[in-house]
N, C-alpha and C. Protein backbone atom coordinates (compact mmCIF):
# COMPACT_ATOMS: atom_id res chain seq x y z
N MET A 1 7.54 24.01 31.15
CA MET A 1 7.86 22.62 30.50
C MET A 1 9.25 22.61 29.90
N THR A 2 9.78 23.64 29.63
CA THR A 2 11.66 23.44 29.08
C THR A 2 12.07 22.72 30.91
N ASN A 3 11.62 23.15 32.38
CA ASN A 3 11.80 22.23 33.80
C ASN A 3 12.09 20.82 33.65
N GLU A 4 10.51 20.54 32.55
CA GLU A 4 10.34 19.42 33.21
C GLU A 4 10.54 18.04 31.62
N LEU A 5 11.50 19.06 30.93
CA LEU A 5 12.12 18.23 29.94
C LEU A 5 13.45 17.59 30.63
N ILE A 6 14.35 18.44 31.12
CA ILE A 6 15.21 18.50 32.03
C ILE A 6 14.88 17.76 33.12
N ASP A 7 14.33 17.79 34.04
CA ASP A 7 13.57 17.16 34.73
C ASP A 7 13.95 15.68 34.32
N PHE A 8 12.61 15.48 32.87
CA PHE A 8 12.54 13.80 32.69
C PHE A 8 14.03 13.57 32.38
N TYR A 9 14.27 14.05 31.37
CA TYR A 9 16.18 13.65 30.99
C TYR A 9 16.98 13.09 31.96
N LEU A 10 16.97 14.33 32.92
CA LEU A 10 17.58 14.05 34.69
C LEU A 10 17.54 12.24 35.54
N LYS A 11 15.95 11.80 35.32
CA LYS A 11 15.47 11.01 35.42
C LYS A 11 15.40 9.67 35.08
N SER A 12 15.56 9.81 33.45
CA SER A 12 15.37 9.07 33.16
C SER A 12 16.93 7.90 32.67
N HIS A 13 16.67 6.83 32.87
CA HIS A 13 17.65 5.93 32.07
C HIS A 13 18.16 6.36 30.68
N SER A 14 18.98 5.55 30.84
CA SER A 14 20.29 6.41 28.99
C SER A 14 19.67 5.39 28.24
N VAL A 15 19.29 4.25 28.48
CA VAL A 15 18.49 3.80 27.15
C VAL A 15 17.23 3.77 26.82
N THR A 16 16.38 4.33 27.48
CA THR A 16 15.33 5.05 27.09
C THR A 16 15.72 6.24 26.38
N ILE A 17 16.37 7.64 27.33
CA ILE A 17 17.07 8.59 26.14
C ILE A 17 17.17 7.68 24.77
N GLY A 18 18.24 7.08 24.80
CA GLY A 18 18.66 6.27 23.41
C GLY A 18 17.67 5.69 22.34
N VAL A 19 16.67 4.82 23.20
CA VAL A 19 15.64 4.45 23.39
C VAL A 19 14.43 6.07 21.89
N LEU A 20 14.59 7.00 22.89
CA LEU A 20 13.65 8.62 22.20
C LEU A 20 13.87 8.93 20.65
N ALA A 21 15.47 8.72 21.26
CA ALA A 21 16.36 8.98 19.91
C ALA A 21 16.30 8.48 18.73
N LEU A 22 16.36 7.04 19.01
CA LEU A 22 16.49 6.55 17.58
C LEU A 22 14.84 6.53 16.60
N LEU A 23 13.87 5.84 17.94
CA LEU A 23 12.19 6.44 17.95
C LEU A 23 12.19 7.88 16.66
N SER A 24 12.65 8.97 17.25
CA SER A 24 12.64 10.16 16.49
C SER A 24 13.48 9.55 15.19
N LEU A 25 14.44 9.41 14.82
CA LEU A 25 15.97 9.33 13.53
C LEU A 25 15.01 8.89 12.56
N TYR A 26 13.71 7.61 13.43
CA TYR A 26 12.83 6.66 12.11
C TYR A 26 11.77 7.57 12.18
N PHE A 27 11.28 8.47 12.75
CA PHE A 27 10.45 9.02 12.41
C PHE A 27 10.16 10.23 11.29
N ILE A 28 11.68 10.85 11.91
CA ILE A 28 12.58 11.59 10.47
C ILE A 28 12.56 11.37 8.95
N ILE A 29 13.58 10.18 8.87
CA ILE A 29 12.85 8.97 7.80
C ILE A 29 12.08 8.67 7.58
N LEU A 30 10.99 7.91 7.91
CA LEU A 30 9.83 7.76 7.27
C LEU A 30 9.10 9.39 7.11
N ASN A 31 9.03 10.02 7.68
CA ASN A 31 8.39 10.62 6.74
C ASN A 31 9.33 12.12 5.23
N TRP A 32 10.69 11.46 5.38
CA TRP A 32 11.12 11.86 4.51
C TRP A 32 11.16 10.84 3.23
N VAL A 33 11.05 9.49 3.68
CA VAL A 33 10.46 8.29 2.37
C VAL A 33 8.98 8.93 2.04
N PHE A 34 8.78 9.01 3.15
CA PHE A 34 7.03 8.95 2.20
C PHE A 34 6.68 10.11 1.54
N PHE A 35 6.93 11.15 2.16
CA PHE A 35 6.79 12.76 1.42
C PHE A 35 7.89 13.09 -0.27
N TYR A 36 8.59 12.03 -0.06
CA TYR A 36 9.44 11.82 -1.46
C TYR A 36 8.88 11.11 -2.53
N ARG A 37 8.45 9.63 -1.92
CA ARG A 37 8.02 8.57 -2.42
C ARG A 37 6.31 8.90 -3.23
N TYR A 38 5.83 9.53 -2.09
CA TYR A 38 4.41 10.14 -1.71
C TYR A 38 4.40 11.02 -3.73
N PHE A 39 5.04 12.19 -3.62
CA PHE A 39 5.32 13.04 -4.79
C PHE A 39 5.55 12.40 -5.61
N SER A 40 6.71 11.53 -5.52
CA SER A 40 7.31 11.50 -7.09
C SER A 40 6.13 10.58 -7.51
N LEU A 41 5.66 9.88 -7.04
CA LEU A 41 4.56 8.22 -7.57
C LEU A 41 3.31 9.42 -8.24
N SER A 42 3.04 10.44 -7.40
CA SER A 42 1.30 11.43 -7.78
C SER A 42 2.03 11.58 -9.50
N SER A 43 3.18 12.26 -9.43
CA SER A 43 3.74 12.87 -11.06
C SER A 43 3.92 12.02 -11.69
N TRP A 44 4.04 10.34 -11.16
CA TRP A 44 4.43 9.26 -12.42
C TRP A 44 2.57 8.79 -12.30
N LEU A 45 1.88 9.51 -11.54
CA LEU A 45 0.28 8.10 -12.18
C LEU A 45 -0.47 9.39 -12.69
N SER A 46 0.01 11.08 -13.03
CA SER A 46 -0.50 11.87 -13.70
C SER A 46 0.04 11.47 -14.41
N ASP A 47 1.20 11.51 -15.43
CA ASP A 47 1.93 11.15 -16.57
C ASP A 47 0.75 10.00 -16.88
N GLU A 48 1.23 8.60 -16.08
CA GLU A 48 0.45 7.57 -17.07
C GLU A 48 -1.14 7.37 -16.99
N THR A 49 -1.51 8.55 -16.69
CA THR A 49 -2.93 8.62 -16.07
C THR A 49 -3.51 9.05 -17.51
N ASP A 50 -2.58 10.89 -18.52
CA ASP A 50 -3.02 11.01 -19.44
C ASP A 50 -2.41 11.11 -20.51
N SER A 51 -1.59 9.88 -21.02
CA SER A 51 -1.05 8.38 -20.88
C SER A 51 -2.40 8.04 -21.81
N PHE A 52 -2.47 6.89 -21.62
CA PHE A 52 -3.93 6.20 -20.92
C PHE A 52 -4.92 6.66 -21.71
N GLU A 53 -5.28 7.95 -21.21
CA GLU A 53 -6.57 9.22 -21.69
C GLU A 53 -5.86 9.17 -23.16
N SER A 54 -4.81 9.74 -23.67
CA SER A 54 -4.97 9.35 -24.80
C SER A 54 -4.83 8.58 -25.91
N LEU A 55 -4.81 7.18 -25.34
CA LEU A 55 -4.68 6.01 -25.93
C LEU A 55 -6.38 6.22 -26.09
N LEU A 56 -6.57 6.42 -25.12
CA LEU A 56 -8.30 5.38 -25.20
C LEU A 56 -8.84 6.44 -26.71
N MET A 57 -8.28 8.24 -26.33
CA MET A 57 -9.36 9.13 -27.62
C MET A 57 -8.18 8.06 -28.81
N GLY A 58 -7.87 7.42 -29.63
CA GLY A 58 -7.35 6.46 -30.27
C GLY A 58 -6.02 6.93 -30.57
N ALA A 59 -4.85 7.18 -29.73
CA ALA A 59 -3.12 7.68 -29.92
C ALA A 59 -2.87 6.61 -30.36
N SER A 60 -1.88 6.24 -31.30
CA SER A 60 -1.46 5.14 -31.73
C SER A 60 -0.60 4.86 -30.96
N THR A 61 0.17 5.34 -29.89
CA THR A 61 1.26 4.76 -28.60
C THR A 61 1.09 5.13 -27.98
N VAL A 62 1.34 5.41 -26.89
CA VAL A 62 1.23 5.73 -25.71
C VAL A 62 2.48 7.31 -25.63
N SER A 63 2.05 8.08 -24.29
CA SER A 63 3.10 8.88 -24.66
C SER A 63 4.13 9.46 -24.62
N ASP A 64 5.15 10.24 -24.49
CA ASP A 64 6.79 10.43 -24.64
C ASP A 64 6.89 10.18 -22.95
N LYS A 65 6.05 10.75 -22.09
CA LYS A 65 5.76 10.73 -20.74
C LYS A 65 5.99 9.92 -19.66
N SER A 66 5.21 8.84 -20.81
CA SER A 66 4.58 7.34 -19.95
C SER A 66 6.06 6.34 -19.66
N PHE A 67 6.18 5.85 -18.51
CA PHE A 67 7.12 4.62 -18.20
C PHE A 67 7.35 3.79 -19.27
N LEU A 68 6.30 3.90 -19.97
CA LEU A 68 6.36 2.39 -21.11
C LEU A 68 7.12 2.39 -22.45
N LYS A 69 7.65 4.37 -22.71
CA LYS A 69 7.76 4.39 -23.86
C LYS A 69 9.32 3.99 -24.24
N ASN A 70 9.97 4.16 -22.92
CA ASN A 70 11.10 3.20 -23.01
C ASN A 70 11.51 2.19 -23.38
N PHE A 71 10.45 0.98 -22.53
CA PHE A 71 10.80 0.26 -23.69
C PHE A 71 10.57 -0.22 -24.95
N ILE A 72 9.57 0.73 -25.08
CA ILE A 72 8.71 0.38 -26.93
C ILE A 72 9.51 1.04 -27.83
N LYS A 73 10.26 2.09 -27.93
CA LYS A 73 10.81 2.89 -28.54
C LYS A 73 12.06 1.68 -28.70
N SER A 74 12.80 1.08 -28.50
CA SER A 74 13.93 -0.10 -28.07
C SER A 74 13.66 -1.36 -28.67
N THR A 75 12.80 -1.52 -29.45
CA THR A 75 11.82 -2.49 -30.50
C THR A 75 11.43 -2.60 -31.40
N LEU A 76 11.69 -2.89 -32.41
CA LEU A 76 10.80 -2.42 -33.59
C LEU A 76 9.05 -2.54 -33.28
N SER A 77 8.99 -3.58 -32.59
CA SER A 77 7.85 -3.80 -32.95
C SER A 77 7.24 -4.17 -30.73
N VAL A 78 5.43 -3.88 -30.84
CA VAL A 78 4.93 -4.33 -29.69
C VAL A 78 5.18 -5.74 -29.20
N SER A 79 5.63 -5.87 -28.45
CA SER A 79 5.76 -7.83 -27.74
C SER A 79 5.12 -7.88 -26.64
N LYS A 80 4.14 -8.83 -26.62
CA LYS A 80 3.81 -8.82 -24.84
C LYS A 80 4.87 -9.25 -23.54
N GLU A 81 5.92 -9.67 -24.04
CA GLU A 81 7.53 -9.84 -23.49
C GLU A 81 8.02 -8.65 -23.49
N ILE A 82 7.81 -8.12 -23.85
CA ILE A 82 8.74 -6.19 -23.49
C ILE A 82 7.95 -6.01 -23.13
N LEU A 83 6.84 -5.85 -22.95
CA LEU A 83 5.34 -4.66 -22.04
C LEU A 83 5.39 -6.08 -20.89
N SER A 84 5.39 -7.09 -21.07
CA SER A 84 6.05 -7.69 -19.54
C SER A 84 6.69 -7.10 -18.51
N LEU A 85 8.32 -6.30 -19.30
CA LEU A 85 8.89 -6.62 -18.65
C LEU A 85 9.64 -5.52 -18.26
N ALA A 86 8.67 -4.17 -18.68
CA ALA A 86 8.40 -2.62 -18.68
C ALA A 86 7.52 -2.94 -16.69
N MET A 87 6.44 -3.64 -16.47
CA MET A 87 5.37 -4.15 -16.11
C MET A 87 6.33 -4.57 -14.48
N MET A 88 7.66 -5.34 -15.26
CA MET A 88 8.37 -5.55 -14.30
C MET A 88 8.90 -5.10 -13.46
N ALA A 89 9.75 -4.04 -13.71
CA ALA A 89 10.67 -3.02 -13.81
C ALA A 89 9.61 -2.05 -13.21
N ALA A 90 8.09 -1.58 -13.97
CA ALA A 90 7.59 -0.39 -13.12
C ALA A 90 7.38 -0.86 -11.70
N THR A 91 6.15 -2.49 -10.94
CA THR A 91 6.37 -2.88 -10.08
C THR A 91 7.37 -2.38 -9.22
N LYS A 92 8.71 -2.37 -9.43
CA LYS A 92 10.08 -2.36 -8.65
C LYS A 92 10.71 -0.89 -8.32
N GLU A 93 10.32 0.07 -9.28
CA GLU A 93 10.18 1.24 -8.95
C GLU A 93 9.53 1.56 -8.48
N ALA A 94 8.33 1.24 -8.72
CA ALA A 94 6.98 2.26 -8.15
C ALA A 94 6.72 1.69 -6.28
N THR A 95 7.48 0.59 -6.21
CA THR A 95 7.23 -0.06 -4.71
C THR A 95 8.99 -0.08 -3.24
N LYS A 96 9.94 1.11 -4.36
CA LYS A 96 10.22 1.26 -3.76
C LYS A 96 9.34 2.00 -2.53
N GLY A 97 11.08 1.95 -1.15
CA GLY A 97 10.22 2.31 -0.05
C GLY A 97 9.06 2.29 1.12
N LEU A 98 8.73 0.99 0.33
CA LEU A 98 7.68 0.37 1.42
C LEU A 98 7.93 -0.61 2.02
N SER A 99 9.68 -0.91 2.03
CA SER A 99 9.62 -2.42 2.47
C SER A 99 11.16 -1.90 3.99
N ILE A 100 11.32 -0.03 3.98
CA ILE A 100 11.26 0.20 5.06
C ILE A 100 10.10 0.64 5.89
N LEU A 101 9.21 0.96 5.05
CA LEU A 101 8.23 1.73 6.03
C LEU A 101 7.32 0.54 6.82
N SER A 102 7.56 -0.74 6.38
CA SER A 102 6.76 -1.73 6.69
C SER A 102 7.44 -2.14 8.03
N ILE A 103 9.15 -2.02 8.16
CA ILE A 103 10.09 -2.52 9.07
C ILE A 103 9.59 -1.81 10.10
N PHE A 104 9.56 -0.52 9.35
CA PHE A 104 9.04 0.56 11.01
C PHE A 104 8.25 0.09 11.60
N ALA A 105 7.35 0.21 10.81
CA ALA A 105 5.57 -0.15 11.01
C ALA A 105 5.86 -1.66 11.97
N SER A 106 6.19 -2.63 12.33
CA SER A 106 6.17 -3.26 12.72
C SER A 106 7.93 -3.70 14.27
N THR A 107 8.35 -2.69 13.85
CA THR A 107 10.24 -2.56 14.49
C THR A 107 9.05 -1.20 15.86
N THR A 108 8.87 -0.64 15.53
CA THR A 108 9.19 0.68 16.37
C THR A 108 8.41 0.20 17.78
N PRO A 109 7.41 -0.17 18.28
CA PRO A 109 6.56 -0.64 19.45
C PRO A 109 7.56 -1.51 19.95
N PHE A 110 8.09 -2.59 19.29
CA PHE A 110 9.06 -3.07 20.39
C PHE A 110 10.12 -2.40 20.56
N ILE A 111 10.98 -1.42 20.00
CA ILE A 111 11.53 -0.53 20.83
C ILE A 111 11.61 -0.06 21.41
N GLY A 112 10.31 0.61 21.50
CA GLY A 112 9.29 1.59 22.61
C GLY A 112 9.31 0.73 23.71
N LEU A 113 9.07 -0.69 23.36
CA LEU A 113 8.79 -1.00 25.00
C LEU A 113 10.15 -2.00 25.39
N PHE A 114 11.16 -2.09 24.44
CA PHE A 114 12.17 -2.30 25.07
C PHE A 114 12.93 -0.92 26.51
N GLY A 115 12.31 0.55 25.53
CA GLY A 115 12.73 1.01 26.47
C GLY A 115 12.25 1.43 27.73
N THR A 116 10.91 0.86 27.60
CA THR A 116 9.39 1.35 28.98
C THR A 116 10.73 0.01 29.75
N VAL A 117 10.74 -1.77 29.08
CA VAL A 117 10.84 -2.60 30.34
C VAL A 117 12.50 -1.38 31.14
N VAL A 118 13.63 -1.07 30.21
CA VAL A 118 14.60 -0.99 30.87
C VAL A 118 14.62 0.14 32.08
N SER A 119 13.61 1.37 31.81
CA SER A 119 13.17 1.91 32.83
C SER A 119 12.89 1.39 33.75
N ILE A 120 11.67 0.72 33.60
CA ILE A 120 10.76 0.34 34.81
C ILE A 120 12.14 -0.84 35.31
N LEU A 121 12.37 -1.41 35.51
CA LEU A 121 13.83 -2.63 35.39
C LEU A 121 14.43 -1.40 36.87
N ASP A 122 14.57 0.14 36.02
CA ASP A 122 15.85 1.21 37.04
C ASP A 122 15.02 1.68 38.06
N THR A 123 14.18 1.17 38.13
CA THR A 123 12.40 2.24 38.86
C THR A 123 12.64 1.56 40.11
N PHE A 124 12.43 0.64 39.77
CA PHE A 124 12.43 -1.01 40.63
C PHE A 124 13.75 -0.66 41.56
N THR A 125 14.65 -0.86 40.43
CA THR A 125 16.54 -1.16 41.54
C THR A 125 16.45 0.60 42.48
N HIS A 126 15.37 1.35 42.27
CA HIS A 126 15.40 2.46 43.07
C HIS A 126 15.05 2.12 44.23
N ILE A 127 13.79 1.72 43.83
CA ILE A 127 12.98 1.10 45.20
C ILE A 127 13.48 0.31 45.77
N GLY A 128 14.30 0.13 45.01
CA GLY A 128 14.25 -1.05 46.32
C GLY A 128 15.85 -0.64 46.83
N GLN A 129 16.65 0.48 46.19
CA GLN A 129 17.57 1.02 47.35
C GLN A 129 17.20 2.12 48.23
N THR A 130 15.97 2.51 48.03
CA THR A 130 15.36 3.83 49.15
C THR A 130 14.55 2.49 49.81
N SER A 131 13.82 3.58 50.70
CA SER A 131 12.34 3.83 51.54
C SER A 131 11.57 3.80 49.61
N GLY A 132 10.89 2.92 49.04
CA GLY A 132 9.84 3.51 48.03
C GLY A 132 8.57 3.69 48.03
N SER A 133 7.84 4.69 48.37
CA SER A 133 6.82 4.94 47.72
C SER A 133 5.60 4.82 46.31
N MET A 134 4.56 5.12 47.06
CA MET A 134 3.60 4.74 45.44
C MET A 134 4.28 5.74 44.32
N SER A 135 4.69 6.52 45.18
CA SER A 135 5.07 8.25 43.84
C SER A 135 5.71 8.30 43.48
N ILE A 136 7.10 7.56 43.89
CA ILE A 136 8.17 6.99 43.40
C ILE A 136 7.59 6.24 42.02
N ILE A 137 7.19 4.96 41.93
CA ILE A 137 6.50 3.47 41.13
C ILE A 137 5.79 4.67 40.34
N ALA A 138 4.67 4.91 41.21
CA ALA A 138 3.59 6.06 40.12
C ALA A 138 5.04 6.85 38.91
N SER A 139 5.51 7.89 39.91
CA SER A 139 6.18 8.53 38.47
C SER A 139 7.60 7.61 37.81
N GLY A 140 8.13 6.46 38.18
CA GLY A 140 9.05 6.12 37.05
C GLY A 140 8.07 5.34 36.32
N VAL A 141 7.17 4.49 36.59
CA VAL A 141 6.79 3.83 35.79
C VAL A 141 6.19 5.29 33.77
N SER A 142 5.38 6.21 35.17
CA SER A 142 5.06 7.00 33.98
C SER A 142 5.68 7.50 33.08
N ASP A 143 7.23 7.93 33.48
CA ASP A 143 8.16 8.46 32.64
C ASP A 143 8.50 6.70 32.10
N ALA A 144 8.93 5.62 32.38
CA ALA A 144 8.98 4.95 31.76
C ALA A 144 7.89 4.16 30.42
N LEU A 145 6.62 4.71 30.60
CA LEU A 145 6.26 4.52 29.21
C LEU A 145 5.60 5.40 28.23
N ILE A 146 6.61 6.36 27.95
CA ILE A 146 6.41 7.64 27.30
C ILE A 146 7.38 7.10 26.27
N ALA A 147 8.35 5.91 26.59
CA ALA A 147 9.34 5.33 25.37
C ALA A 147 8.37 4.62 24.75
N THR A 148 6.76 3.64 25.04
CA THR A 148 5.63 2.65 24.69
C THR A 148 5.40 3.52 23.49
N ALA A 149 4.92 4.58 23.99
CA ALA A 149 4.02 5.86 23.30
C ALA A 149 4.27 6.00 22.75
N ALA A 150 5.44 6.71 22.25
CA ALA A 150 6.73 6.77 21.47
C ALA A 150 6.54 5.69 20.40
N GLY A 151 6.64 4.49 21.11
CA GLY A 151 6.79 3.01 19.79
C GLY A 151 5.48 3.18 19.01
N ILE A 152 4.61 3.72 19.13
CA ILE A 152 3.53 3.30 18.82
C ILE A 152 2.93 4.16 17.95
N PHE A 153 3.57 6.23 18.68
CA PHE A 153 2.56 7.12 17.32
C PHE A 153 3.89 6.83 16.44
N VAL A 154 4.75 6.28 16.44
CA VAL A 154 6.15 6.38 15.03
C VAL A 154 5.20 4.98 14.17
N ALA A 155 5.19 3.65 14.43
CA ALA A 155 4.65 2.74 14.23
C ALA A 155 3.11 2.83 13.07
N ILE A 156 2.40 3.73 14.21
CA ILE A 156 1.25 4.61 13.41
C ILE A 156 1.41 5.44 12.41
N PHE A 157 2.14 6.11 12.46
CA PHE A 157 2.53 6.68 10.82
C PHE A 157 3.15 5.84 9.74
N ALA A 158 3.65 4.99 9.65
CA ALA A 158 4.58 3.99 9.38
C ALA A 158 3.87 3.38 8.96
N TYR A 159 2.97 2.62 9.41
CA TYR A 159 1.70 1.81 8.78
C TYR A 159 0.93 2.68 8.01
N THR A 160 0.27 3.93 8.15
CA THR A 160 -0.71 4.01 7.49
C THR A 160 0.29 5.11 6.21
N TYR A 161 1.36 5.67 6.60
CA TYR A 161 2.16 5.92 5.61
C TYR A 161 2.37 4.30 4.30
N HIS A 162 2.31 3.19 4.53
CA HIS A 162 2.93 1.67 3.99
C HIS A 162 1.36 1.83 3.34
N GLN A 163 0.25 1.83 4.05
CA GLN A 163 -0.40 2.36 2.90
C GLN A 163 -1.39 2.37 1.91
N ILE A 164 -1.10 4.40 2.36
CA ILE A 164 -1.15 4.77 1.28
C ILE A 164 -0.18 4.60 -0.03
N LEU A 165 1.13 4.90 0.25
CA LEU A 165 1.88 4.51 -1.27
C LEU A 165 2.16 3.16 -1.49
N LYS A 166 1.50 1.75 -0.71
CA LYS A 166 1.38 0.70 -1.06
C LYS A 166 -0.50 0.77 -2.42
N ARG A 167 -1.08 1.92 -1.84
CA ARG A 167 -1.98 2.11 -2.39
C ARG A 167 -2.49 2.19 -4.61
N GLN A 168 -1.10 3.66 -4.31
CA GLN A 168 -0.72 4.84 -5.26
C GLN A 168 0.10 3.52 -5.69
N SER A 169 1.15 2.98 -5.50
CA SER A 169 1.51 1.75 -5.86
C SER A 169 0.35 1.08 -7.28
N PHE A 170 -0.26 0.85 -6.59
CA PHE A 170 -1.50 -0.30 -7.41
C PHE A 170 -1.96 0.22 -8.04
N GLU A 171 -2.16 1.64 -8.19
CA GLU A 171 -2.74 2.06 -9.72
C GLU A 171 -2.09 2.01 -9.76
N LEU A 172 -1.02 2.62 -9.87
CA LEU A 172 0.19 3.20 -10.91
C LEU A 172 0.41 1.95 -11.94
N VAL A 173 0.24 1.31 -10.95
CA VAL A 173 0.80 -0.13 -12.33
C VAL A 173 -0.65 -0.67 -12.86
N SER A 174 -1.71 -0.62 -12.73
CA SER A 174 -2.85 -1.15 -13.07
C SER A 174 -2.85 -0.05 -14.50
N PHE A 175 -2.52 1.07 -13.85
CA PHE A 175 -2.94 1.66 -15.19
C PHE A 175 -1.41 1.46 -16.41
N LEU A 176 -0.67 0.97 -15.88
CA LEU A 176 0.47 0.81 -16.72
C LEU A 176 -0.26 -0.49 -17.45
N GLN A 177 -0.92 -1.82 -16.90
CA GLN A 177 -1.06 -2.48 -16.98
C GLN A 177 -2.01 -1.75 -18.65
N MET A 178 -3.37 -1.44 -18.04
CA MET A 178 -3.90 -1.52 -19.33
C MET A 178 -3.76 -0.59 -20.38
N GLN A 179 -2.77 0.43 -19.84
CA GLN A 179 -1.91 0.78 -21.34
C GLN A 179 -1.51 -0.17 -22.18
N SER A 180 -0.69 -1.49 -21.19
CA SER A 180 -0.26 -3.22 -22.61
C SER A 180 -1.04 -3.45 -23.09
N ASP A 181 -2.32 -3.42 -22.22
CA ASP A 181 -3.35 -4.46 -22.63
C ASP A 181 -3.57 -3.58 -23.86
N ALA A 182 -3.95 -2.47 -23.97
CA ALA A 182 -4.58 -1.61 -25.19
C ALA A 182 -3.60 -1.53 -26.48
N LEU A 183 -2.27 -1.61 -25.80
CA LEU A 183 -1.57 -1.53 -26.80
C LEU A 183 -1.39 -3.30 -28.00
N LEU A 184 -1.31 -4.21 -26.98
CA LEU A 184 -1.15 -5.07 -27.65
C LEU A 184 -2.36 -5.30 -28.62
N SER A 185 -3.49 -4.81 -27.66
CA SER A 185 -5.11 -5.21 -28.72
C SER A 185 -4.89 -5.03 -30.05
N ARG A 186 -4.42 -3.31 -30.53
CA ARG A 186 -4.15 -2.91 -31.25
C ARG A 186 -3.42 -3.62 -32.34
N LYS A 187 -2.10 -4.48 -31.85
CA LYS A 187 -1.22 -4.89 -32.44
C LYS A 187 -2.06 -6.01 -32.64
N GLY A 188 -2.50 -6.92 -32.10
CA GLY A 188 -3.26 -7.97 -33.15
C GLY A 188 -4.70 -8.17 -33.30
């Protein structure tokens, strides 16, 4: 396995190696963003679920752990405007990290394809300089396609993570909206 990696490294174009390094960095970043946001959103969602359930059981206001509490305690009376402001702030906070996952999901296949094209061009250059056979072409194209495969691999994870966090953010904002509606209905 080690000899195969060394052989791949020696045969590959420097742009292909750079593309694979960039895609590796993207993969590390997107995993960090996903797991950090997933666990923080899960904790936040748990707090908001508990707060909403306490409102349903007759509590007069949201729990101290609720995101809405910071906005409610700064005013004398609960108003639709204050709660709307809280919802906008919560939406902004809940959707952090989605943009980078979306960018990674849409750009990584093209980055991988770029590495493949450069590597194939390099293969054809070597064929033109020597008496190339099909085995040289097959080997060069095979090595080149690794960059495309890496780009698609990273894109799959980025898109999947984006969808998971998007759904979790939606659930969180929904619980906050339900709490806001419950508070407003008690006011009137």
